[in-house]
Amino acid sequence: MFSRDFRRKALDRFMMVMLGLGSALAIVPLVSVFTYVLKKGLSGVNLDFFTQLPLPVGEIGGGMAHALAGSLILLGLA
């Protein structure tokens, strides 16, 4: 018969392997979504994106200068 210590260590190893597999299973989709978003969106980010004002809906281009300024103001007030 197996000793109590051996069974406890074997169960501990099994649970650690299951924890690692579960973590990997959760991380793989997150990494794939992150790389997809970076691949599709990184080409549209440049200096003009941060310094130009927003354009009306439907027009191509524009930036987020107002959003950045508002965020900085709120950060300063906080």
N, C-alpha and C. Protein backbone atom coordinates (compact mmCIF):
# COMPACT_ATOMS: atom_id res chain seq x y z
N MET A 1 0.82 -1.19 0.00
CA MET A 1 0.00 0.00 0.00
C MET A 1 0.87 1.25 0.00
N PHE A 2 0.37 2.31 -0.62
CA PHE A 2 1.11 3.56 -0.68
C PHE A 2 0.99 4.31 0.64
N SER A 3 2.05 4.97 0.98
CA SER A 3 2.01 5.75 2.21
C SER A 3 1.16 7.00 2.01
N ARG A 4 0.72 7.54 3.11
CA ARG A 4 -0.12 8.74 3.06
C ARG A 4 0.64 9.92 2.46
N ASP A 5 1.93 10.03 2.77
CA ASP A 5 2.76 11.11 2.25
C ASP A 5 2.90 11.02 0.73
N PHE A 6 3.07 9.81 0.22
CA PHE A 6 3.20 9.62 -1.22
C PHE A 6 1.91 10.03 -1.94
N ARG A 7 0.76 9.64 -1.40
CA ARG A 7 -0.51 9.99 -2.02
C ARG A 7 -0.73 11.50 -2.02
N ARG A 8 -0.36 12.15 -0.94
CA ARG A 8 -0.52 13.59 -0.87
C ARG A 8 0.37 14.31 -1.89
N LYS A 9 1.61 13.85 -2.02
CA LYS A 9 2.53 14.45 -3.00
C LYS A 9 2.06 14.19 -4.43
N ALA A 10 1.56 12.99 -4.68
CA ALA A 10 1.06 12.67 -6.02
C ALA A 10 -0.15 13.53 -6.36
N LEU A 11 -1.06 13.71 -5.41
CA LEU A 11 -2.23 14.55 -5.64
C LEU A 11 -1.81 16.01 -5.84
N ASP A 12 -0.81 16.45 -5.09
CA ASP A 12 -0.31 17.81 -5.25
C ASP A 12 0.27 18.02 -6.65
N ARG A 13 1.07 17.06 -7.12
CA ARG A 13 1.64 17.18 -8.46
C ARG A 13 0.54 17.18 -9.53
N PHE A 14 -0.45 16.31 -9.37
CA PHE A 14 -1.55 16.24 -10.32
C PHE A 14 -2.31 17.56 -10.36
N MET A 15 -2.59 18.12 -9.22
CA MET A 15 -3.32 19.39 -9.18
C MET A 15 -2.50 20.53 -9.76
N MET A 16 -1.20 20.52 -9.55
CA MET A 16 -0.34 21.56 -10.13
C MET A 16 -0.35 21.46 -11.66
N VAL A 17 -0.33 20.25 -12.19
CA VAL A 17 -0.39 20.06 -13.64
C VAL A 17 -1.74 20.55 -14.16
N MET A 18 -2.82 20.23 -13.46
CA MET A 18 -4.16 20.67 -13.88
C MET A 18 -4.26 22.20 -13.83
N LEU A 19 -3.67 22.80 -12.81
CA LEU A 19 -3.65 24.26 -12.70
C LEU A 19 -2.89 24.88 -13.87
N GLY A 20 -1.76 24.31 -14.23
CA GLY A 20 -0.99 24.81 -15.37
C GLY A 20 -1.75 24.68 -16.68
N LEU A 21 -2.42 23.54 -16.87
CA LEU A 21 -3.20 23.34 -18.09
C LEU A 21 -4.38 24.31 -18.16
N GLY A 22 -5.04 24.51 -17.04
CA GLY A 22 -6.16 25.45 -17.02
C GLY A 22 -5.71 26.88 -17.29
N SER A 23 -4.57 27.24 -16.74
CA SER A 23 -4.03 28.59 -16.99
C SER A 23 -3.67 28.77 -18.46
N ALA A 24 -3.03 27.77 -19.03
CA ALA A 24 -2.67 27.84 -20.45
C ALA A 24 -3.91 27.91 -21.32
N LEU A 25 -4.92 27.15 -20.94
CA LEU A 25 -6.17 27.16 -21.70
C LEU A 25 -6.85 28.52 -21.66
N ALA A 26 -6.69 29.25 -20.57
CA ALA A 26 -7.29 30.58 -20.46
C ALA A 26 -6.44 31.64 -21.14
N ILE A 27 -5.12 31.47 -21.16
CA ILE A 27 -4.22 32.49 -21.70
C ILE A 27 -4.17 32.46 -23.22
N VAL A 28 -4.30 31.30 -23.83
CA VAL A 28 -4.20 31.19 -25.29
C VAL A 28 -5.23 32.07 -26.01
N PRO A 29 -6.51 32.04 -25.66
CA PRO A 29 -7.46 32.93 -26.36
C PRO A 29 -7.17 34.41 -26.10
N LEU A 30 -6.75 34.74 -24.88
CA LEU A 30 -6.44 36.14 -24.59
C LEU A 30 -5.29 36.66 -25.45
N VAL A 31 -4.26 35.86 -25.58
CA VAL A 31 -3.11 36.26 -26.39
C VAL A 31 -3.50 36.35 -27.86
N SER A 32 -4.32 35.44 -28.34
CA SER A 32 -4.72 35.49 -29.75
C SER A 32 -5.58 36.72 -30.05
N VAL A 33 -6.47 37.08 -29.15
CA VAL A 33 -7.28 38.29 -29.36
C VAL A 33 -6.39 39.53 -29.31
N PHE A 34 -5.45 39.57 -28.38
CA PHE A 34 -4.54 40.71 -28.25
C PHE A 34 -3.69 40.88 -29.52
N THR A 35 -3.15 39.79 -30.06
CA THR A 35 -2.34 39.91 -31.28
C THR A 35 -3.20 40.32 -32.47
N TYR A 36 -4.43 39.84 -32.56
CA TYR A 36 -5.32 40.22 -33.64
C TYR A 36 -5.61 41.73 -33.60
N VAL A 37 -5.92 42.24 -32.41
CA VAL A 37 -6.21 43.66 -32.25
C VAL A 37 -4.98 44.50 -32.59
N LEU A 38 -3.81 44.08 -32.14
CA LEU A 38 -2.59 44.82 -32.46
C LEU A 38 -2.32 44.81 -33.96
N LYS A 39 -2.49 43.64 -34.60
CA LYS A 39 -2.20 43.53 -36.02
C LYS A 39 -3.13 44.42 -36.85
N LYS A 40 -4.41 44.45 -36.49
CA LYS A 40 -5.38 45.23 -37.25
C LYS A 40 -5.33 46.73 -36.93
N GLY A 41 -5.03 47.09 -35.69
CA GLY A 41 -5.14 48.48 -35.28
C GLY A 41 -3.86 49.28 -35.26
N LEU A 42 -2.71 48.60 -35.22
CA LEU A 42 -1.45 49.33 -35.09
C LEU A 42 -1.13 50.18 -36.31
N SER A 43 -1.63 49.80 -37.47
CA SER A 43 -1.33 50.57 -38.68
C SER A 43 -2.03 51.92 -38.68
N GLY A 44 -3.10 52.07 -37.92
CA GLY A 44 -3.84 53.33 -37.89
C GLY A 44 -3.36 54.31 -36.85
N VAL A 45 -2.41 53.92 -36.03
CA VAL A 45 -1.93 54.79 -34.96
C VAL A 45 -0.65 55.49 -35.42
N ASN A 46 -0.71 56.83 -35.44
CA ASN A 46 0.46 57.64 -35.74
C ASN A 46 0.35 58.94 -34.95
N LEU A 47 1.26 59.87 -35.15
CA LEU A 47 1.25 61.11 -34.38
C LEU A 47 0.00 61.94 -34.66
N ASP A 48 -0.48 61.93 -35.90
CA ASP A 48 -1.69 62.69 -36.23
C ASP A 48 -2.91 62.17 -35.46
N PHE A 49 -2.94 60.89 -35.19
CA PHE A 49 -4.05 60.32 -34.44
C PHE A 49 -4.16 60.95 -33.05
N PHE A 50 -3.04 61.31 -32.46
CA PHE A 50 -3.04 61.88 -31.11
C PHE A 50 -3.17 63.40 -31.09
N THR A 51 -2.92 64.06 -32.22
CA THR A 51 -2.90 65.53 -32.21
C THR A 51 -4.03 66.18 -32.99
N GLN A 52 -4.70 65.46 -33.88
CA GLN A 52 -5.78 66.06 -34.67
C GLN A 52 -7.10 65.97 -33.92
N LEU A 53 -8.00 66.88 -34.31
CA LEU A 53 -9.34 66.88 -33.73
C LEU A 53 -10.19 65.82 -34.41
N PRO A 54 -11.23 65.35 -33.75
CA PRO A 54 -12.10 64.35 -34.36
C PRO A 54 -12.85 64.92 -35.56
N LEU A 55 -13.09 64.08 -36.55
CA LEU A 55 -13.87 64.47 -37.73
C LEU A 55 -15.30 63.98 -37.56
N PRO A 56 -16.22 64.54 -38.33
CA PRO A 56 -17.62 64.07 -38.26
C PRO A 56 -17.73 62.59 -38.63
N VAL A 57 -18.80 61.97 -38.19
CA VAL A 57 -19.02 60.55 -38.45
C VAL A 57 -19.09 60.31 -39.95
N GLY A 58 -18.40 59.30 -40.41
CA GLY A 58 -18.40 58.93 -41.82
C GLY A 58 -17.18 59.42 -42.57
N GLU A 59 -16.48 60.41 -42.05
CA GLU A 59 -15.28 60.90 -42.72
C GLU A 59 -14.08 60.11 -42.23
N ILE A 60 -13.15 59.86 -43.13
CA ILE A 60 -11.96 59.08 -42.81
C ILE A 60 -10.92 59.99 -42.17
N GLY A 61 -10.25 59.49 -41.17
CA GLY A 61 -9.21 60.24 -40.49
C GLY A 61 -9.69 60.79 -39.17
N GLY A 62 -9.02 61.82 -38.74
CA GLY A 62 -9.37 62.43 -37.47
C GLY A 62 -8.52 61.88 -36.35
N GLY A 63 -8.67 62.49 -35.20
CA GLY A 63 -7.85 62.08 -34.07
C GLY A 63 -8.62 62.12 -32.78
N MET A 64 -7.87 62.12 -31.71
CA MET A 64 -8.49 62.10 -30.39
C MET A 64 -7.87 63.13 -29.46
N ALA A 65 -7.57 64.29 -29.99
CA ALA A 65 -6.94 65.34 -29.19
C ALA A 65 -7.83 65.76 -28.02
N HIS A 66 -9.13 65.91 -28.24
CA HIS A 66 -10.03 66.32 -27.17
C HIS A 66 -10.08 65.26 -26.06
N ALA A 67 -10.09 64.00 -26.45
CA ALA A 67 -10.16 62.91 -25.47
C ALA A 67 -8.90 62.90 -24.61
N LEU A 68 -7.75 63.09 -25.23
CA LEU A 68 -6.50 63.13 -24.46
C LEU A 68 -6.46 64.35 -23.54
N ALA A 69 -6.89 65.50 -24.04
CA ALA A 69 -6.88 66.71 -23.21
C ALA A 69 -7.84 66.54 -22.02
N GLY A 70 -9.02 65.99 -22.25
CA GLY A 70 -9.96 65.77 -21.18
C GLY A 70 -9.43 64.78 -20.14
N SER A 71 -8.77 63.74 -20.60
CA SER A 71 -8.20 62.77 -19.67
C SER A 71 -7.10 63.40 -18.83
N LEU A 72 -6.28 64.23 -19.47
CA LEU A 72 -5.21 64.90 -18.71
C LEU A 72 -5.77 65.88 -17.69
N ILE A 73 -6.83 66.58 -18.05
CA ILE A 73 -7.46 67.52 -17.12
C ILE A 73 -8.03 66.76 -15.92
N LEU A 74 -8.75 65.67 -16.17
CA LEU A 74 -9.28 64.87 -15.07
C LEU A 74 -8.19 64.27 -14.20
N LEU A 75 -7.11 63.85 -14.82
CA LEU A 75 -5.98 63.31 -14.07
C LEU A 75 -5.36 64.39 -13.19
N GLY A 76 -5.26 65.61 -13.74
CA GLY A 76 -4.72 66.71 -12.95
C GLY A 76 -5.63 67.08 -11.78
N LEU A 77 -6.93 67.04 -11.99
CA LEU A 77 -7.86 67.36 -10.91
C LEU A 77 -7.85 66.28 -9.83
N ALA A 78 -7.64 65.06 -10.24
CA ALA A 78 -7.63 63.97 -9.25
C ALA A 78 -6.39 64.07 -8.39
